[in-house]
Amino acid sequence: MIIGSPSHVESLTNVIFKTKTSIPCYPFMKNQQILQASNILGLVLVLTLNTLAVTLPIAGRNTGEISDFYPNLFVPAGYAFSIWSIIYILLIIFVIIQAKGLFSSTKKAPDYVQNIGWWFVISCLFNASWILAWHYLLTALSVIIMLGILTSLIQIYLRLDIHYPSNKNPLLVRLPFSVYLGWITVATVANVTAFLVSIDWSGFGISPIYWTVIMILVAASVGVIAFWKRKDVAFVSVLIWALVAILVKRQNANVPEESMIITTIYIAIGFLILSALIRMFIKTKSNG
């Protein structure tokens, strides 16, 4: 081949352009693949710890059984905790979807993986840590960790800009975090309540019944905001699920003095449903 000939120039050009298109994007793609793999490993850790918490169980205590150590009026009926099965199924679907391009050297990871960043991994580490703290009766530490889970999920929620309807991110990316955040919102209140019971907090002289009423109204208010701002039906549905479970628990207790809590729950659920209907009516009217 003659140096400077057209064929030589073409070959040299191909080498140069191949080098330029492959090398600069490699570190970025590799970092994304590390993040995708870490998301999978994080969820595996969570599922493993939660499985051990039931099968061993850790520290010789079941997760639900520990709640009975801190009796309070905000604890829902036992069936309510079955929602964790739904949450974990949704999260498994999420980590499968987000793994797109994981084993490819040319395909880029979905944009939402980069948007979420390391917050999902952080939430998994907090989740696994909470199991250990809860089972070893470290209630103060469990509250701090629970706040860490809540904070990381809020970060994910905002980074994904979750609202409905939306074409920005797939439904099966948004839905898991709507349900997860909804339950952790309730769980945080319950965890703080358990801690206060463990230290025999007097409640500033306010009876536990009134404190429970206040917490129910706060939870309902958060639900109203979530629906009006984000139209997040999943988030609100989880809150209603939790409130109904608290209602069932209090009705089964059959304590006349707790009738105020039962009435408040009915009002809160009605308020959530009514506000959602009004919001949808306003939206429909404005579109019409």
Protein backbone atom coordinates (compact mmCIF):
# COMPACT_ATOMS: atom_id res chain seq x y z
CA MET A 1 0.00 0.00 0.00
CA ILE A 2 1.36 3.45 -0.94
CA ILE A 3 1.53 5.97 1.93
CA GLY A 4 -0.86 8.81 1.19
CA SER A 5 -3.01 6.76 -1.16
CA PRO A 6 -6.83 7.08 -0.77
CA SER A 7 -7.12 3.59 0.69
CA HIS A 8 -4.45 4.33 3.28
CA VAL A 9 -6.10 7.61 4.26
CA GLU A 10 -9.49 5.86 4.58
CA SER A 11 -8.03 3.13 6.83
CA LEU A 12 -6.31 5.70 9.02
CA THR A 13 -9.53 7.74 9.27
CA ASN A 14 -11.49 4.68 10.37
CA VAL A 15 -9.00 3.93 13.13
CA ILE A 16 -9.08 7.50 14.38
CA PHE A 17 -12.88 7.77 14.43
CA LYS A 18 -13.36 4.37 16.08
CA THR A 19 -10.96 5.38 18.81
CA LYS A 20 -12.71 8.67 19.38
CA THR A 21 -16.19 7.20 19.60
CA SER A 22 -15.39 4.28 21.89
CA ILE A 23 -12.83 5.47 24.44
CA PRO A 24 -14.45 8.69 25.79
CA CYS A 25 -17.80 7.02 26.58
CA TYR A 26 -16.30 3.91 28.20
CA PRO A 27 -15.62 5.30 31.72
CA PHE A 28 -19.11 6.84 31.88
CA MET A 29 -20.78 3.62 30.76
CA LYS A 30 -18.66 1.60 33.18
CA ASN A 31 -19.72 3.84 36.08
CA GLN A 32 -23.36 3.39 35.11
CA GLN A 33 -22.92 -0.37 34.98
CA ILE A 34 -21.39 -0.31 38.46
CA LEU A 35 -24.42 1.66 39.64
CA GLN A 36 -26.85 -0.77 37.99
CA ALA A 37 -25.09 -3.77 39.55
CA SER A 38 -25.02 -2.04 42.95
CA ASN A 39 -28.79 -1.48 42.75
CA ILE A 40 -29.27 -5.22 42.25
CA LEU A 41 -26.87 -6.17 45.05
CA GLY A 42 -28.49 -3.63 47.38
CA LEU A 43 -31.92 -5.19 46.92
CA VAL A 44 -30.46 -8.70 47.33
CA LEU A 45 -29.03 -7.58 50.68
CA VAL A 46 -32.42 -6.23 51.77
CA LEU A 47 -34.28 -9.38 50.73
CA THR A 48 -31.69 -11.58 52.45
CA LEU A 49 -31.89 -9.70 55.77
CA ASN A 50 -35.67 -9.65 55.69
CA THR A 51 -35.78 -13.37 54.95
CA LEU A 52 -33.41 -14.10 57.83
CA ALA A 53 -35.54 -11.91 60.09
CA VAL A 54 -38.41 -14.33 59.52
CA THR A 55 -36.65 -17.69 59.20
CA LEU A 56 -34.00 -17.51 61.93
CA PRO A 57 -35.37 -15.16 63.32
CA ILE A 58 -32.68 -12.53 64.02
CA ALA A 59 -32.07 -12.14 67.77
CA GLY A 60 -34.76 -14.76 68.32
CA ARG A 61 -37.57 -12.32 67.58
CA ASN A 62 -39.97 -11.87 64.64
CA THR A 63 -40.24 -8.37 63.17
CA GLY A 64 -43.99 -8.07 63.86
CA GLU A 65 -43.65 -9.55 67.33
CA ILE A 66 -41.36 -6.71 68.41
CA SER A 67 -44.13 -4.18 67.76
CA ASP A 68 -46.07 -5.77 70.63
CA PHE A 69 -43.26 -4.71 72.98
CA TYR A 70 -44.30 -1.07 72.40
CA PRO A 71 -48.12 -1.00 72.54
CA ASN A 72 -49.60 2.19 71.10
CA LEU A 73 -52.73 3.31 69.33
CA PHE A 74 -51.08 3.93 65.93
CA VAL A 75 -50.10 0.29 65.32
CA PRO A 76 -52.12 -1.21 62.42
CA ALA A 77 -53.59 -4.71 62.31
CA GLY A 78 -51.05 -7.40 61.47
CA TYR A 79 -52.30 -7.97 57.92
CA ALA A 80 -51.21 -4.45 56.96
CA PHE A 81 -47.56 -5.52 56.94
CA SER A 82 -48.24 -7.85 54.02
CA ILE A 83 -47.78 -4.77 51.86
CA TRP A 84 -44.03 -5.43 52.11
CA SER A 85 -44.56 -8.34 49.71
CA ILE A 86 -46.01 -5.93 47.14
CA ILE A 87 -43.21 -3.42 47.74
CA TYR A 88 -40.48 -6.01 47.25
CA ILE A 89 -42.11 -7.46 44.13
CA LEU A 90 -42.26 -3.94 42.64
CA LEU A 91 -38.63 -3.29 43.61
CA ILE A 92 -37.53 -6.56 42.01
CA ILE A 93 -39.26 -5.47 38.81
CA PHE A 94 -37.52 -2.09 39.08
CA VAL A 95 -34.00 -3.53 39.42
CA ILE A 96 -34.65 -5.83 36.46
CA ILE A 97 -35.83 -2.93 34.29
CA GLN A 98 -32.98 -0.64 35.35
CA ALA A 99 -30.44 -3.35 34.42
CA LYS A 100 -30.97 -2.68 30.71
CA GLY A 101 -27.58 -2.52 29.03
CA LEU A 102 -25.75 -3.82 32.11
CA PHE A 103 -23.90 -6.51 30.17
CA SER A 104 -23.42 -4.47 27.01
CA SER A 105 -20.37 -2.40 26.13
CA THR A 106 -22.33 -0.27 23.67
CA LYS A 107 -25.81 0.21 25.14
CA LYS A 108 -26.31 3.07 27.58
CA ALA A 109 -28.22 2.58 30.85
CA PRO A 110 -31.66 4.24 31.10
CA ASP A 111 -31.50 7.92 32.05
CA TYR A 112 -33.43 7.37 35.28
CA VAL A 113 -30.58 5.23 36.62
CA GLN A 114 -28.30 8.26 36.54
CA ASN A 115 -31.08 10.48 37.91
CA ILE A 116 -31.59 8.24 40.93
CA GLY A 117 -27.83 7.99 41.44
CA TRP A 118 -26.75 6.13 44.57
CA TRP A 119 -29.90 6.93 46.54
CA PHE A 120 -31.48 3.53 45.93
CA VAL A 121 -28.36 1.76 47.17
CA ILE A 122 -28.35 4.05 50.21
CA SER A 123 -32.01 3.24 50.90
CA CYS A 124 -31.18 -0.48 50.74
CA LEU A 125 -28.32 -0.10 53.21
CA PHE A 126 -30.62 1.79 55.58
CA ASN A 127 -33.35 -0.83 55.16
CA ALA A 128 -31.00 -3.71 56.00
CA SER A 129 -29.56 -1.77 58.94
CA TRP A 130 -33.02 -1.04 60.29
CA ILE A 131 -33.82 -4.77 60.49
CA LEU A 132 -30.78 -5.32 62.70
CA ALA A 133 -31.46 -2.29 64.91
CA TRP A 134 -35.14 -3.23 65.32
CA HIS A 135 -34.48 -6.87 66.15
CA TYR A 136 -31.85 -5.97 68.74
CA LEU A 137 -34.33 -3.51 70.32
CA LEU A 138 -32.24 -0.44 69.52
CA THR A 139 -35.32 1.74 69.06
CA ALA A 140 -33.53 5.10 69.11
CA LEU A 141 -31.12 3.93 66.42
CA SER A 142 -34.00 2.43 64.44
CA VAL A 143 -35.68 5.85 64.30
CA ILE A 144 -32.52 7.48 62.95
CA ILE A 145 -32.19 4.74 60.34
CA MET A 146 -35.88 4.99 59.43
CA LEU A 147 -35.43 8.72 58.83
CA GLY A 148 -32.53 7.77 56.56
CA ILE A 149 -34.82 5.48 54.54
CA LEU A 150 -37.45 8.23 54.35
CA THR A 151 -34.91 10.84 53.23
CA SER A 152 -33.41 8.61 50.54
CA LEU A 153 -36.86 7.73 49.16
CA ILE A 154 -37.88 11.38 49.07
CA GLN A 155 -34.69 12.09 47.11
CA ILE A 156 -35.57 9.35 44.61
CA TYR A 157 -39.17 10.59 44.40
CA LEU A 158 -38.03 14.13 43.59
CA ARG A 159 -35.20 13.10 41.26
CA LEU A 160 -37.62 10.99 39.21
CA ASP A 161 -40.12 13.87 39.38
CA ILE A 162 -42.84 11.33 40.08
CA HIS A 163 -46.32 12.39 39.08
CA TYR A 164 -49.20 10.85 37.18
CA PRO A 165 -49.81 10.62 34.32
CA SER A 166 -46.28 11.04 32.98
CA ASN A 167 -44.30 9.83 29.99
CA LYS A 168 -40.97 10.89 31.44
CA ASN A 169 -40.25 7.62 33.23
CA PRO A 170 -41.91 4.18 32.85
CA LEU A 171 -44.80 3.37 35.19
CA LEU A 172 -42.91 0.41 36.67
CA VAL A 173 -40.08 2.77 37.63
CA ARG A 174 -42.35 5.31 39.33
CA LEU A 175 -44.89 2.97 40.95
CA PRO A 176 -42.46 1.07 43.23
CA PHE A 177 -41.28 4.30 44.84
CA SER A 178 -44.80 5.72 45.21
CA VAL A 179 -45.87 2.63 47.15
CA TYR A 180 -42.58 2.36 49.07
CA LEU A 181 -42.58 6.04 50.12
CA GLY A 182 -46.24 5.88 51.09
CA TRP A 183 -45.62 2.97 53.46
CA ILE A 184 -42.38 4.39 54.88
CA THR A 185 -44.23 7.64 55.63
CA VAL A 186 -46.60 5.68 57.86
CA ALA A 187 -43.83 3.44 59.20
CA THR A 188 -41.79 6.47 60.27
CA VAL A 189 -44.65 7.75 62.42
CA ALA A 190 -45.13 4.26 63.89
CA ASN A 191 -41.40 3.90 64.57
CA VAL A 192 -41.18 7.26 66.35
CA THR A 193 -44.26 6.33 68.38
CA ALA A 194 -42.66 3.01 69.42
CA PHE A 195 -39.52 4.84 70.53
CA LEU A 196 -41.53 7.31 72.62
CA VAL A 197 -43.35 4.41 74.26
CA SER A 198 -40.02 2.71 75.00
CA ILE A 199 -38.81 5.75 76.96
CA ASP A 200 -42.18 6.24 78.71
CA TRP A 201 -42.71 9.67 77.17
CA SER A 202 -45.51 11.55 78.88
CA GLY A 203 -46.71 13.32 75.72
CA PHE A 204 -46.54 16.76 77.35
CA GLY A 205 -49.59 15.78 79.32
CA ILE A 206 -51.64 15.11 76.17
CA SER A 207 -53.36 11.72 76.17
CA PRO A 208 -52.25 9.03 73.67
CA ILE A 209 -55.71 9.20 72.09
CA TYR A 210 -55.29 12.85 71.14
CA TRP A 211 -51.74 12.23 69.89
CA THR A 212 -53.03 9.41 67.69
CA VAL A 213 -55.75 11.69 66.30
CA ILE A 214 -53.12 14.31 65.48
CA MET A 215 -50.89 11.77 63.71
CA ILE A 216 -53.82 10.45 61.68
CA LEU A 217 -54.72 13.96 60.54
CA VAL A 218 -51.09 14.68 59.64
CA ALA A 219 -50.91 11.47 57.57
CA ALA A 220 -54.15 12.38 55.79
CA SER A 221 -52.86 15.89 55.06
CA VAL A 222 -49.69 14.47 53.50
CA GLY A 223 -51.88 12.26 51.30
CA VAL A 224 -53.97 15.21 50.14
CA ILE A 225 -50.84 17.17 49.22
CA ALA A 226 -49.39 14.18 47.35
CA PHE A 227 -52.53 13.82 45.25
CA TRP A 228 -53.06 17.51 44.52
CA LYS A 229 -49.42 18.09 43.64
CA ARG A 230 -48.55 14.76 41.99
CA LYS A 231 -51.87 12.96 41.39
CA ASP A 232 -50.19 10.01 43.11
CA VAL A 233 -53.02 7.52 43.56
CA ALA A 234 -50.61 4.79 44.68
CA PHE A 235 -49.22 6.91 47.51
CA VAL A 236 -52.70 7.84 48.74
CA SER A 237 -53.92 4.24 48.43
CA VAL A 238 -51.12 3.07 50.72
CA LEU A 239 -52.10 5.67 53.31
CA ILE A 240 -55.72 4.52 53.16
CA TRP A 241 -54.54 0.90 53.48
CA ALA A 242 -52.65 1.83 56.66
CA LEU A 243 -55.52 3.87 58.12
CA VAL A 244 -58.01 1.06 57.52
CA ALA A 245 -55.63 -1.36 59.26
CA ILE A 246 -55.38 0.98 62.26
CA LEU A 247 -59.18 1.20 62.24
CA VAL A 248 -59.50 -2.61 62.28
CA LYS A 249 -57.02 -2.86 65.15
CA ARG A 250 -58.89 -0.29 67.25
CA GLN A 251 -62.31 -1.80 66.49
CA ASN A 252 -61.07 -5.23 67.51
CA ALA A 253 -59.75 -3.76 70.75
CA ASN A 254 -63.32 -2.60 71.47
CA VAL A 255 -62.33 0.16 73.90
CA PRO A 256 -65.09 2.83 74.18
CA GLU A 257 -62.57 5.58 74.98
CA GLU A 258 -60.94 5.05 71.58
CA SER A 259 -64.08 5.91 69.61
CA MET A 260 -62.54 9.30 68.79
CA ILE A 261 -59.71 7.56 66.93
CA ILE A 262 -62.17 5.45 64.95
CA THR A 263 -64.24 8.50 64.03
CA THR A 264 -61.12 10.43 63.01
CA ILE A 265 -60.00 7.61 60.73
CA TYR A 266 -63.38 7.55 58.98
CA ILE A 267 -63.17 11.32 58.51
CA ALA A 268 -59.55 11.11 57.27
CA ILE A 269 -60.33 8.41 54.71
CA GLY A 270 -63.43 10.28 53.54
CA PHE A 271 -61.39 13.48 53.27
CA LEU A 272 -58.71 11.72 51.18
CA ILE A 273 -61.26 10.24 48.78
CA LEU A 274 -63.30 13.45 48.52
CA SER A 275 -60.24 15.63 47.88
CA ALA A 276 -59.08 13.19 45.17
CA LEU A 277 -62.48 13.33 43.48
CA ILE A 278 -62.52 17.13 43.62
CA ARG A 279 -59.01 17.27 42.15
CA MET A 280 -59.99 14.97 39.27
CA PHE A 281 -63.20 16.96 38.67
CA ILE A 282 -61.25 20.22 38.46
CA LYS A 283 -58.75 18.64 36.07
CA THR A 284 -61.52 17.23 33.87
CA LYS A 285 -63.35 20.55 33.80
CA SER A 286 -60.21 22.49 32.90
CA ASN A 287 -59.47 20.07 30.06
CA GLY A 288 -63.03 20.32 28.83
